[in-house]
Amino acid sequence: MFCIKRVRNPWIWAALFGASTAATASKDVRDIELRRLFEPTPAERRAETSGRIYIYEGLRETDVARAMEKEFDRVESMMFIRVKKTDKTGETLKDPETGDAVVEDDGC
């Protein structure tokens, strides 16, 4: 039987739990960015009004299209990078070779 308390090598811990932690962190960041995009706090709105630009990374094309429609009055405070391409149903497109999300990339 595998005894977890005997595993002292941090590399083994990273291999065992790293992938699930990264996936969870990615979802958490996406949730925060969607909340900020569609339900900004009064402090976030004040920052935008004073000229602050927020960079949204890795949102789906459908999220960006919705923002352009629903939040157009705030668009000067938004920048979208590495936007994930979606199919007609809104699902994220995946690279058939790697399984990674297909993203818009302008080469910058």
PDB file of N, CA and C in Angstrom:
ATOM      1  N   MET A   1       0.838  -1.189   0.000  1.00  0.00           N
ATOM      2  CA  MET A   1       0.000   0.000   0.000  1.00  0.00           C
ATOM      3  C   MET A   1       0.876   1.244   0.000  1.00  0.00           C
ATOM      4  N   PHE A   2       0.457   2.248  -0.714  1.00  0.00           N
ATOM      5  CA  PHE A   2       1.201   3.502  -0.841  1.00  0.00           C
ATOM      6  C   PHE A   2       0.941   4.378   0.379  1.00  0.00           C
ATOM      7  N   CYS A   3       1.997   4.802   1.040  1.00  0.00           N
ATOM      8  CA  CYS A   3       1.869   5.635   2.234  1.00  0.00           C
ATOM      9  C   CYS A   3       2.290   7.063   1.901  1.00  0.00           C
ATOM     10  N   ILE A   4       1.333   7.986   1.915  1.00  0.00           N
ATOM     11  CA  ILE A   4       1.599   9.374   1.525  1.00  0.00           C
ATOM     12  C   ILE A   4       2.571  10.064   2.475  1.00  0.00           C
ATOM     13  N   LYS A   5       2.499   9.783   3.754  1.00  0.00           N
ATOM     14  CA  LYS A   5       3.364  10.517   4.674  1.00  0.00           C
ATOM     15  C   LYS A   5       4.845  10.197   4.492  1.00  0.00           C
ATOM     16  N   ARG A   6       5.168   9.138   3.774  1.00  0.00           N
ATOM     17  CA  ARG A   6       6.566   8.789   3.523  1.00  0.00           C
ATOM     18  C   ARG A   6       7.122   9.468   2.271  1.00  0.00           C
ATOM     19  N   VAL A   7       6.282  10.104   1.504  1.00  0.00           N
ATOM     20  CA  VAL A   7       6.741  10.785   0.291  1.00  0.00           C
ATOM     21  C   VAL A   7       7.270  12.154   0.691  1.00  0.00           C
ATOM     22  N   ARG A   8       8.588  12.306   0.651  1.00  0.00           N
ATOM     23  CA  ARG A   8       9.196  13.556   1.093  1.00  0.00           C
ATOM     24  C   ARG A   8       9.757  14.371  -0.068  1.00  0.00           C
ATOM     25  N   ASN A   9       9.864  13.772  -1.213  1.00  0.00           N
ATOM     26  CA  ASN A   9      10.423  14.465  -2.369  1.00  0.00           C
ATOM     27  C   ASN A   9       9.375  15.402  -2.963  1.00  0.00           C
ATOM     28  N   PRO A  10       9.649  16.726  -3.018  1.00  0.00           N
ATOM     29  CA  PRO A  10       8.658  17.668  -3.547  1.00  0.00           C
ATOM     30  C   PRO A  10       8.340  17.431  -5.015  1.00  0.00           C
ATOM     31  N   TRP A  11       9.275  16.851  -5.770  1.00  0.00           N
ATOM     32  CA  TRP A  11       9.023  16.579  -7.191  1.00  0.00           C
ATOM     33  C   TRP A  11       7.948  15.512  -7.352  1.00  0.00           C
ATOM     34  N   ILE A  12       7.924  14.568  -6.446  1.00  0.00           N
ATOM     35  CA  ILE A  12       6.890  13.523  -6.507  1.00  0.00           C
ATOM     36  C   ILE A  12       5.530  14.143  -6.189  1.00  0.00           C
ATOM     37  N   TRP A  13       5.474  15.014  -5.194  1.00  0.00           N
ATOM     38  CA  TRP A  13       4.215  15.703  -4.869  1.00  0.00           C
ATOM     39  C   TRP A  13       3.721  16.501  -6.065  1.00  0.00           C
ATOM     40  N   ALA A  14       4.660  17.187  -6.710  1.00  0.00           N
ATOM     41  CA  ALA A  14       4.280  17.988  -7.878  1.00  0.00           C
ATOM     42  C   ALA A  14       3.731  17.102  -8.984  1.00  0.00           C
ATOM     43  N   ALA A  15       4.350  15.957  -9.202  1.00  0.00           N
ATOM     44  CA  ALA A  15       3.870  15.039 -10.245  1.00  0.00           C
ATOM     45  C   ALA A  15       2.507  14.471  -9.891  1.00  0.00           C
ATOM     46  N   LEU A  16       2.296  14.175  -8.612  1.00  0.00           N
ATOM     47  CA  LEU A  16       1.030  13.580  -8.180  1.00  0.00           C
ATOM     48  C   LEU A  16      -0.135  14.566  -8.211  1.00  0.00           C
ATOM     49  N   PHE A  17       0.121  15.807  -7.797  1.00  0.00           N
ATOM     50  CA  PHE A  17      -0.971  16.744  -7.603  1.00  0.00           C
ATOM     51  C   PHE A  17      -0.912  17.983  -8.484  1.00  0.00           C
ATOM     52  N   GLY A  18       0.147  18.174  -9.222  1.00  0.00           N
ATOM     53  CA  GLY A  18       0.347  19.385 -10.017  1.00  0.00           C
ATOM     54  C   GLY A  18      -0.697  19.609 -11.080  1.00  0.00           C
ATOM     55  N   ALA A  19      -1.039  18.590 -11.840  1.00  0.00           N
ATOM     56  CA  ALA A  19      -1.986  18.769 -12.949  1.00  0.00           C
ATOM     57  C   ALA A  19      -3.358  19.184 -12.455  1.00  0.00           C
ATOM     58  N   SER A  20      -3.841  18.548 -11.398  1.00  0.00           N
ATOM     59  CA  SER A  20      -5.173  18.907 -10.910  1.00  0.00           C
ATOM     60  C   SER A  20      -5.175  20.303 -10.298  1.00  0.00           C
ATOM     61  N   THR A  21      -4.083  20.687  -9.647  1.00  0.00           N
ATOM     62  CA  THR A  21      -3.984  22.020  -9.064  1.00  0.00           C
ATOM     63  C   THR A  21      -3.950  23.077 -10.158  1.00  0.00           C
ATOM     64  N   ALA A  22      -3.205  22.834 -11.229  1.00  0.00           N
ATOM     65  CA  ALA A  22      -3.129  23.795 -12.330  1.00  0.00           C
ATOM     66  C   ALA A  22      -4.483  23.968 -12.995  1.00  0.00           C
ATOM     67  N   ALA A  23      -5.209  22.884 -13.188  1.00  0.00           N
ATOM     68  CA  ALA A  23      -6.535  22.972 -13.810  1.00  0.00           C
ATOM     69  C   ALA A  23      -7.487  23.756 -12.922  1.00  0.00           C
ATOM     70  N   THR A  24      -7.441  23.524 -11.624  1.00  0.00           N
ATOM     71  CA  THR A  24      -8.301  24.244 -10.691  1.00  0.00           C
ATOM     72  C   THR A  24      -7.943  25.726 -10.670  1.00  0.00           C
ATOM     73  N   ALA A  25      -6.648  26.036 -10.647  1.00  0.00           N
ATOM     74  CA  ALA A  25      -6.214  27.438 -10.634  1.00  0.00           C
ATOM     75  C   ALA A  25      -6.669  28.143 -11.903  1.00  0.00           C
ATOM     76  N   SER A  26      -6.571  27.464 -13.038  1.00  0.00           N
ATOM     77  CA  SER A  26      -6.991  28.056 -14.305  1.00  0.00           C
ATOM     78  C   SER A  26      -8.479  28.386 -14.290  1.00  0.00           C
ATOM     79  N   LYS A  27      -9.294  27.475 -13.759  1.00  0.00           N
ATOM     80  CA  LYS A  27     -10.728  27.720 -13.675  1.00  0.00           C
ATOM     81  C   LYS A  27     -11.013  28.873 -12.718  1.00  0.00           C
ATOM     82  N   ASP A  28     -10.292  28.928 -11.606  1.00  0.00           N
ATOM     83  CA  ASP A  28     -10.493  30.012 -10.640  1.00  0.00           C
ATOM     84  C   ASP A  28     -10.180  31.374 -11.255  1.00  0.00           C
ATOM     85  N   VAL A  29      -9.081  31.462 -12.009  1.00  0.00           N
ATOM     86  CA  VAL A  29      -8.722  32.722 -12.661  1.00  0.00           C
ATOM     87  C   VAL A  29      -9.786  33.097 -13.682  1.00  0.00           C
ATOM     88  N   ARG A  30     -10.257  32.124 -14.449  1.00  0.00           N
ATOM     89  CA  ARG A  30     -11.304  32.401 -15.443  1.00  0.00           C
ATOM     90  C   ARG A  30     -12.563  32.926 -14.754  1.00  0.00           C
ATOM     91  N   ASP A  31     -12.937  32.305 -13.640  1.00  0.00           N
ATOM     92  CA  ASP A  31     -14.119  32.764 -12.902  1.00  0.00           C
ATOM     93  C   ASP A  31     -13.947  34.201 -12.416  1.00  0.00           C
ATOM     94  N   ILE A  32     -12.766  34.529 -11.924  1.00  0.00           N
ATOM     95  CA  ILE A  32     -12.492  35.886 -11.447  1.00  0.00           C
ATOM     96  C   ILE A  32     -12.570  36.871 -12.607  1.00  0.00           C
ATOM     97  N   GLU A  33     -11.968  36.503 -13.745  1.00  0.00           N
ATOM     98  CA  GLU A  33     -11.991  37.412 -14.885  1.00  0.00           C
ATOM     99  C   GLU A  33     -13.404  37.605 -15.423  1.00  0.00           C
ATOM    100  N   LEU A  34     -14.208  36.554 -15.473  1.00  0.00           N
ATOM    101  CA  LEU A  34     -15.590  36.696 -15.944  1.00  0.00           C
ATOM    102  C   LEU A  34     -16.401  37.561 -14.987  1.00  0.00           C
ATOM    103  N   ARG A  35     -16.187  37.386 -13.698  1.00  0.00           N
ATOM    104  CA  ARG A  35     -16.888  38.228 -12.722  1.00  0.00           C
ATOM    105  C   ARG A  35     -16.490  39.680 -12.915  1.00  0.00           C
ATOM    106  N   ARG A  36     -15.189  39.920 -13.080  1.00  0.00           N
ATOM    107  CA  ARG A  36     -14.710  41.291 -13.258  1.00  0.00           C
ATOM    108  C   ARG A  36     -15.236  41.889 -14.560  1.00  0.00           C
ATOM    109  N   LEU A  37     -15.316  41.079 -15.598  1.00  0.00           N
ATOM    110  CA  LEU A  37     -15.769  41.554 -16.897  1.00  0.00           C
ATOM    111  C   LEU A  37     -17.247  41.931 -16.886  1.00  0.00           C
ATOM    112  N   PHE A  38     -18.085  41.089 -16.276  1.00  0.00           N
ATOM    113  CA  PHE A  38     -19.531  41.300 -16.345  1.00  0.00           C
ATOM    114  C   PHE A  38     -20.160  41.864 -15.075  1.00  0.00           C
ATOM    115  N   GLU A  39     -19.442  41.818 -13.954  1.00  0.00           N
ATOM    116  CA  GLU A  39     -19.966  42.352 -12.693  1.00  0.00           C
ATOM    117  C   GLU A  39     -18.859  43.059 -11.926  1.00  0.00           C
ATOM    118  N   PRO A  40     -18.283  44.116 -12.497  1.00  0.00           N
ATOM    119  CA  PRO A  40     -17.180  44.802 -11.809  1.00  0.00           C
ATOM    120  C   PRO A  40     -17.648  45.451 -10.510  1.00  0.00           C
ATOM    121  N   THR A  41     -16.751  45.461  -9.540  1.00  0.00           N
ATOM    122  CA  THR A  41     -17.052  46.118  -8.272  1.00  0.00           C
ATOM    123  C   THR A  41     -16.988  47.635  -8.481  1.00  0.00           C
ATOM    124  N   PRO A  42     -17.542  48.402  -7.555  1.00  0.00           N
ATOM    125  CA  PRO A  42     -17.413  49.862  -7.656  1.00  0.00           C
ATOM    126  C   PRO A  42     -15.948  50.312  -7.720  1.00  0.00           C
ATOM    127  N   ALA A  43     -15.065  49.653  -6.979  1.00  0.00           N
ATOM    128  CA  ALA A  43     -13.642  50.016  -7.011  1.00  0.00           C
ATOM    129  C   ALA A  43     -13.041  49.729  -8.386  1.00  0.00           C
ATOM    130  N   GLU A  44     -13.422  48.608  -8.991  1.00  0.00           N
ATOM    131  CA  GLU A  44     -12.922  48.284 -10.331  1.00  0.00           C
ATOM    132  C   GLU A  44     -13.444  49.288 -11.363  1.00  0.00           C
ATOM    133  N   ARG A  45     -14.688  49.698 -11.218  1.00  0.00           N
ATOM    134  CA  ARG A  45     -15.241  50.716 -12.135  1.00  0.00           C
ATOM    135  C   ARG A  45     -14.516  52.050 -11.989  1.00  0.00           C
ATOM    136  N   ARG A  46     -14.205  52.429 -10.738  1.00  0.00           N
ATOM    137  CA  ARG A  46     -13.464  53.675 -10.511  1.00  0.00           C
ATOM    138  C   ARG A  46     -12.080  53.599 -11.154  1.00  0.00           C
ATOM    139  N   ALA A  47     -11.426  52.447 -11.031  1.00  0.00           N
ATOM    140  CA  ALA A  47     -10.104  52.273 -11.638  1.00  0.00           C
ATOM    141  C   ALA A  47     -10.195  52.407 -13.157  1.00  0.00           C
ATOM    142  N   GLU A  48     -11.223  51.827 -13.755  1.00  0.00           N
ATOM    143  CA  GLU A  48     -11.431  51.950 -15.199  1.00  0.00           C
ATOM    144  C   GLU A  48     -11.666  53.400 -15.593  1.00  0.00           C
ATOM    145  N   THR A  49     -12.483  54.098 -14.814  1.00  0.00           N
ATOM    146  CA  THR A  49     -12.793  55.500 -15.091  1.00  0.00           C
ATOM    147  C   THR A  49     -11.536  56.363 -15.031  1.00  0.00           C
ATOM    148  N   SER A  50     -10.608  55.985 -14.148  1.00  0.00           N
ATOM    149  CA  SER A  50      -9.366  56.757 -14.022  1.00  0.00           C
ATOM    150  C   SER A  50      -8.323  56.358 -15.070  1.00  0.00           C
ATOM    151  N   GLY A  51      -8.669  55.421 -15.965  1.00  0.00           N
ATOM    152  CA  GLY A  51      -7.776  55.074 -17.059  1.00  0.00           C
ATOM    153  C   GLY A  51      -7.104  53.720 -16.975  1.00  0.00           C
ATOM    154  N   ARG A  52      -7.365  52.970 -15.939  1.00  0.00           N
ATOM    155  CA  ARG A  52      -6.734  51.657 -15.808  1.00  0.00           C
ATOM    156  C   ARG A  52      -7.309  50.689 -16.833  1.00  0.00           C
ATOM    157  N   ILE A  53      -6.420  49.907 -17.448  1.00  0.00           N
ATOM    158  CA  ILE A  53      -6.822  48.889 -18.414  1.00  0.00           C
ATOM    159  C   ILE A  53      -6.560  47.525 -17.798  1.00  0.00           C
ATOM    160  N   TYR A  54      -7.523  46.632 -17.912  1.00  0.00           N
ATOM    161  CA  TYR A  54      -7.364  45.274 -17.396  1.00  0.00           C
ATOM    162  C   TYR A  54      -7.152  44.339 -18.570  1.00  0.00           C
ATOM    163  N   ILE A  55      -6.143  43.476 -18.459  1.00  0.00           N
ATOM    164  CA  ILE A  55      -5.841  42.516 -19.517  1.00  0.00           C
ATOM    165  C   ILE A  55      -6.479  41.177 -19.152  1.00  0.00           C
ATOM    166  N   TYR A  56      -7.389  40.742 -19.986  1.00  0.00           N
ATOM    167  CA  TYR A  56      -8.071  39.453 -19.810  1.00  0.00           C
ATOM    168  C   TYR A  56      -7.353  38.434 -20.676  1.00  0.00           C
ATOM    169  N   GLU A  57      -6.880  37.364 -20.075  1.00  0.00           N
ATOM    170  CA  GLU A  57      -6.116  36.367 -20.823  1.00  0.00           C
ATOM    171  C   GLU A  57      -6.821  35.017 -20.806  1.00  0.00           C
ATOM    172  N   GLY A  58      -6.956  34.454 -22.012  1.00  0.00           N
ATOM    173  CA  GLY A  58      -7.453  33.089 -22.123  1.00  0.00           C
ATOM    174  C   GLY A  58      -8.954  32.919 -22.028  1.00  0.00           C
ATOM    175  N   LEU A  59      -9.722  34.006 -22.194  1.00  0.00           N
ATOM    176  CA  LEU A  59     -11.175  33.846 -22.230  1.00  0.00           C
ATOM    177  C   LEU A  59     -11.585  33.249 -23.572  1.00  0.00           C
ATOM    178  N   ARG A  60     -12.778  32.707 -23.639  1.00  0.00           N
ATOM    179  CA  ARG A  60     -13.280  32.129 -24.885  1.00  0.00           C
ATOM    180  C   ARG A  60     -13.820  33.221 -25.802  1.00  0.00           C
ATOM    181  N   GLU A  61     -13.824  32.933 -27.104  1.00  0.00           N
ATOM    182  CA  GLU A  61     -14.375  33.876 -28.088  1.00  0.00           C
ATOM    183  C   GLU A  61     -15.798  34.277 -27.724  1.00  0.00           C
ATOM    184  N   THR A  62     -16.570  33.332 -27.231  1.00  0.00           N
ATOM    185  CA  THR A  62     -17.964  33.630 -26.882  1.00  0.00           C
ATOM    186  C   THR A  62     -18.045  34.630 -25.733  1.00  0.00           C
ATOM    187  N   ASP A  63     -17.102  34.546 -24.780  1.00  0.00           N
ATOM    188  CA  ASP A  63     -17.072  35.503 -23.662  1.00  0.00           C
ATOM    189  C   ASP A  63     -16.737  36.904 -24.165  1.00  0.00           C
ATOM    190  N   VAL A  64     -15.771  36.985 -25.073  1.00  0.00           N
ATOM    191  CA  VAL A  64     -15.365  38.280 -25.621  1.00  0.00           C
ATOM    192  C   VAL A  64     -16.501  38.886 -26.449  1.00  0.00           C
ATOM    193  N   ALA A  65     -17.163  38.057 -27.246  1.00  0.00           N
ATOM    194  CA  ALA A  65     -18.292  38.554 -28.052  1.00  0.00           C
ATOM    195  C   ALA A  65     -19.401  39.079 -27.144  1.00  0.00           C
ATOM    196  N   ARG A  66     -19.670  38.366 -26.066  1.00  0.00           N
ATOM    197  CA  ARG A  66     -20.696  38.816 -25.112  1.00  0.00           C
ATOM    198  C   ARG A  66     -20.287  40.143 -24.469  1.00  0.00           C
ATOM    199  N   ALA A  67     -19.002  40.278 -24.138  1.00  0.00           N
ATOM    200  CA  ALA A  67     -18.520  41.535 -23.545  1.00  0.00           C
ATOM    201  C   ALA A  67     -18.666  42.688 -24.528  1.00  0.00           C
ATOM    202  N   MET A  68     -18.371  42.448 -25.793  1.00  0.00           N
ATOM    203  CA  MET A  68     -18.496  43.500 -26.808  1.00  0.00           C
ATOM    204  C   MET A  68     -19.954  43.938 -26.960  1.00  0.00           C
ATOM    205  N   GLU A  69     -20.856  43.016 -26.719  1.00  0.00           N
ATOM    206  CA  GLU A  69     -22.285  43.334 -26.831  1.00  0.00           C
ATOM    207  C   GLU A  69     -22.838  43.965 -25.551  1.00  0.00           C
ATOM    208  N   LYS A  70     -22.516  43.396 -24.409  1.00  0.00           N
ATOM    209  CA  LYS A  70     -23.123  43.820 -23.138  1.00  0.00           C
ATOM    210  C   LYS A  70     -22.347  44.914 -22.410  1.00  0.00           C
ATOM    211  N   GLU A  71     -21.033  44.990 -22.622  1.00  0.00           N
ATOM    212  CA  GLU A  71     -20.185  45.915 -21.864  1.00  0.00           C
ATOM    213  C   GLU A  71     -19.444  46.886 -22.785  1.00  0.00           C
ATOM    214  N   PHE A  72     -20.027  47.194 -23.922  1.00  0.00           N
ATOM    215  CA  PHE A  72     -19.334  47.995 -24.926  1.00  0.00           C
ATOM    216  C   PHE A  72     -18.900  49.359 -24.398  1.00  0.00           C
ATOM    217  N   ASP A  73     -19.661  49.929 -23.482  1.00  0.00           N
ATOM    218  CA  ASP A  73     -19.314  51.242 -22.934  1.00  0.00           C
ATOM    219  C   ASP A  73     -18.016  51.209 -22.120  1.00  0.00           C
ATOM    220  N   ARG A  74     -17.534  50.018 -21.771  1.00  0.00           N
ATOM    221  CA  ARG A  74     -16.305  49.876 -20.988  1.00  0.00           C
ATOM    222  C   ARG A  74     -15.134  49.337 -21.820  1.00  0.00           C
ATOM    223  N   VAL A  75     -15.325  49.154 -23.105  1.00  0.00           N
ATOM    224  CA  VAL A  75     -14.334  48.467 -23.937  1.00  0.00           C
ATOM    225  C   VAL A  75     -12.964  49.147 -23.935  1.00  0.00           C
ATOM    226  N   GLU A  76     -12.909  50.449 -23.740  1.00  0.00           N
ATOM    227  CA  GLU A  76     -11.620  51.136 -23.726  1.00  0.00           C
ATOM    228  C   GLU A  76     -10.772  50.745 -22.519  1.00  0.00           C
ATOM    229  N   SER A  77     -11.357  50.065 -21.549  1.00  0.00           N
ATOM    230  CA  SER A  77     -10.634  49.620 -20.362  1.00  0.00           C
ATOM    231  C   SER A  77     -10.290  48.130 -20.411  1.00  0.00           C
ATOM    232  N   MET A  78     -10.483  47.515 -21.575  1.00  0.00           N
ATOM    233  CA  MET A  78     -10.275  46.069 -21.699  1.00  0.00           C
ATOM    234  C   MET A  78      -9.250  45.755 -22.773  1.00  0.00           C
ATOM    235  N   MET A  79      -8.469  44.718 -22.511  1.00  0.00           N
ATOM    236  CA  MET A  79      -7.585  44.152 -23.527  1.00  0.00           C
ATOM    237  C   MET A  79      -7.723  42.638 -23.412  1.00  0.00           C
ATOM    238  N   PHE A  80      -7.883  41.979 -24.547  1.00  0.00           N
ATOM    239  CA  PHE A  80      -8.040  40.525 -24.559  1.00  0.00           C
ATOM    240  C   PHE A  80      -6.851  39.907 -25.281  1.00  0.00           C
ATOM    241  N   ILE A  81      -6.191  38.962 -24.621  1.00  0.00           N
ATOM    242  CA  ILE A  81      -5.069  38.264 -25.245  1.00  0.00           C
ATOM    243  C   ILE A  81      -5.277  36.765 -25.134  1.00  0.00           C
ATOM    244  N   ARG A  82      -4.662  36.028 -26.064  1.00  0.00           N
ATOM    245  CA  ARG A  82      -4.736  34.570 -26.105  1.00  0.00           C
ATOM    246  C   ARG A  82      -6.183  34.074 -25.958  1.00  0.00           C
ATOM    247  N   VAL A  83      -7.059  34.668 -26.739  1.00  0.00           N
ATOM    248  CA  VAL A  83      -8.480  34.303 -26.721  1.00  0.00           C
ATOM    249  C   VAL A  83      -8.632  32.894 -27.275  1.00  0.00           C
ATOM    250  N   LYS A  84      -9.369  32.054 -26.552  1.00  0.00           N
ATOM    251  CA  LYS A  84      -9.580  30.664 -26.977  1.00  0.00           C
ATOM    252  C   LYS A  84     -10.667  30.615 -28.042  1.00  0.00           C
ATOM    253  N   LYS A  85     -10.338  30.005 -29.165  1.00  0.00           N
ATOM    254  CA  LYS A  85     -11.295  29.863 -30.256  1.00  0.00           C
ATOM    255  C   LYS A  85     -12.360  28.850 -29.873  1.00  0.00           C
ATOM    256  N   THR A  86     -13.586  29.098 -30.347  1.00  0.00           N
ATOM    257  CA  THR A  86     -14.695  28.200 -30.044  1.00  0.00           C
ATOM    258  C   THR A  86     -15.385  27.757 -31.330  1.00  0.00           C
ATOM    259  N   ASP A  87     -16.118  26.639 -31.218  1.00  0.00           N
ATOM    260  CA  ASP A  87     -16.904  26.187 -32.360  1.00  0.00           C
ATOM    261  C   ASP A  87     -18.285  26.836 -32.305  1.00  0.00           C
ATOM    262  N   LYS A  88     -19.176  26.438 -33.198  1.00  0.00           N
ATOM    263  CA  LYS A  88     -20.506  27.056 -33.275  1.00  0.00           C
ATOM    264  C   LYS A  88     -21.361  26.813 -32.035  1.00  0.00           C
ATOM    265  N   THR A  89     -21.017  25.793 -31.254  1.00  0.00           N
ATOM    266  CA  THR A  89     -21.778  25.512 -30.034  1.00  0.00           C
ATOM    267  C   THR A  89     -21.194  26.227 -28.812  1.00  0.00           C
ATOM    268  N   GLY A  90     -20.044  26.902 -29.001  1.00  0.00           N
ATOM    269  CA  GLY A  90     -19.416  27.606 -27.886  1.00  0.00           C
ATOM    270  C   GLY A  90     -18.361  26.790 -27.168  1.00  0.00           C
ATOM    271  N   GLU A  91     -18.121  25.555 -27.628  1.00  0.00           N
ATOM    272  CA  GLU A  91     -17.096  24.721 -27.007  1.00  0.00           C
ATOM    273  C   GLU A  91     -15.715  25.168 -27.479  1.00  0.00           C
ATOM    274  N   THR A  92     -14.741  25.120 -26.588  1.00  0.00           N
ATOM    275  CA  THR A  92     -13.379  25.503 -26.914  1.00  0.00           C
ATOM    276  C   THR A  92     -12.782  24.504 -27.904  1.00  0.00           C
ATOM    277  N   LEU A  93     -12.188  25.023 -28.980  1.00  0.00           N
ATOM    278  CA  LEU A  93     -11.533  24.162 -29.953  1.00  0.00           C
ATOM    279  C   LEU A  93     -10.223  23.644 -29.380  1.00  0.00           C
ATOM    280  N   LYS A  94      -9.913  22.384 -29.664  1.00  0.00           N
ATOM    281  CA  LYS A  94      -8.687  21.754 -29.171  1.00  0.00           C
ATOM    282  C   LYS A  94      -7.800  21.372 -30.345  1.00  0.00           C
ATOM    283  N   ASP A  95      -6.498  21.537 -30.155  1.00  0.00           N
ATOM    284  CA  ASP A  95      -5.528  21.092 -31.150  1.00  0.00           C
ATOM    285  C   ASP A  95      -5.572  19.566 -31.173  1.00  0.00           C
ATOM    286  N   PRO A  96      -5.790  18.948 -32.339  1.00  0.00           N
ATOM    287  CA  PRO A  96      -5.915  17.495 -32.391  1.00  0.00           C
ATOM    288  C   PRO A  96      -4.636  16.750 -31.993  1.00  0.00           C
ATOM    289  N   GLU A  97      -3.489  17.390 -32.161  1.00  0.00           N
ATOM    290  CA  GLU A  97      -2.230  16.731 -31.813  1.00  0.00           C
ATOM    291  C   GLU A  97      -1.883  16.835 -30.336  1.00  0.00           C
ATOM    292  N   THR A  98      -2.127  18.008 -29.744  1.00  0.00           N
ATOM    293  CA  THR A  98      -1.702  18.234 -28.359  1.00  0.00           C
ATOM    294  C   THR A  98      -2.854  18.193 -27.359  1.00  0.00           C
ATOM    295  N   GLY A  99      -4.070  18.454 -27.831  1.00  0.00           N
ATOM    296  CA  GLY A  99      -5.203  18.534 -26.919  1.00  0.00           C
ATOM    297  C   GLY A  99      -5.337  19.894 -26.249  1.00  0.00           C
ATOM    298  N   ASP A 100      -4.385  20.802 -26.524  1.00  0.00           N
ATOM    299  CA  ASP A 100      -4.438  22.150 -25.938  1.00  0.00           C
ATOM    300  C   ASP A 100      -5.489  22.995 -26.651  1.00  0.00           C
ATOM    301  N   ALA A 101      -5.993  23.978 -25.951  1.00  0.00           N
ATOM    302  CA  ALA A 101      -6.951  24.902 -26.542  1.00  0.00           C
ATOM    303  C   ALA A 101      -6.287  25.675 -27.681  1.00  0.00           C
ATOM    304  N   VAL A 102      -7.042  25.902 -28.754  1.00  0.00           N
ATOM    305  CA  VAL A 102      -6.558  26.711 -29.880  1.00  0.00           C
ATOM    306  C   VAL A 102      -6.820  28.164 -29.515  1.00  0.00           C
ATOM    307  N   VAL A 103      -5.782  28.994 -29.581  1.00  0.00           N
ATOM    308  CA  VAL A 103      -5.921  30.398 -29.177  1.00  0.00           C
ATOM    309  C   VAL A 103      -5.564  31.345 -30.310  1.00  0.00           C
ATOM    310  N   GLU A 104      -6.191  32.525 -30.250  1.00  0.00           N
ATOM    311  CA  GLU A 104      -5.812  33.623 -31.137  1.00  0.00           C
ATOM    312  C   GLU A 104      -4.431  34.075 -30.678  1.00  0.00           C
ATOM    313  N   ASP A 105      -3.503  34.213 -31.592  1.00  0.00           N
ATOM    314  CA  ASP A 105      -2.167  34.652 -31.221  1.00  0.00           C
ATOM    315  C   ASP A 105      -1.618  35.510 -32.345  1.00  0.00           C
ATOM    316  N   ASP A 106      -1.365  36.777 -32.038  1.00  0.00           N
ATOM    317  CA  ASP A 106      -0.874  37.689 -33.073  1.00  0.00           C
ATOM    318  C   ASP A 106       0.642  37.694 -33.184  1.00  0.00           C
ATOM    319  N   GLY A 107       1.299  36.824 -32.439  1.00  0.00           N
ATOM    320  CA  GLY A 107       2.750  36.716 -32.532  1.00  0.00           C
ATOM    321  C   GLY A 107       3.534  37.696 -31.679  1.00  0.00           C
ATOM    322  N   CYS A 108       2.851  38.507 -30.905  1.00  0.00           N
ATOM    323  CA  CYS A 108       3.557  39.473 -30.040  1.00  0.00           C
ATOM    324  C   CYS A 108       4.145  38.785 -28.826  1.00  0.00           C
TER     325      CYS A 108
END
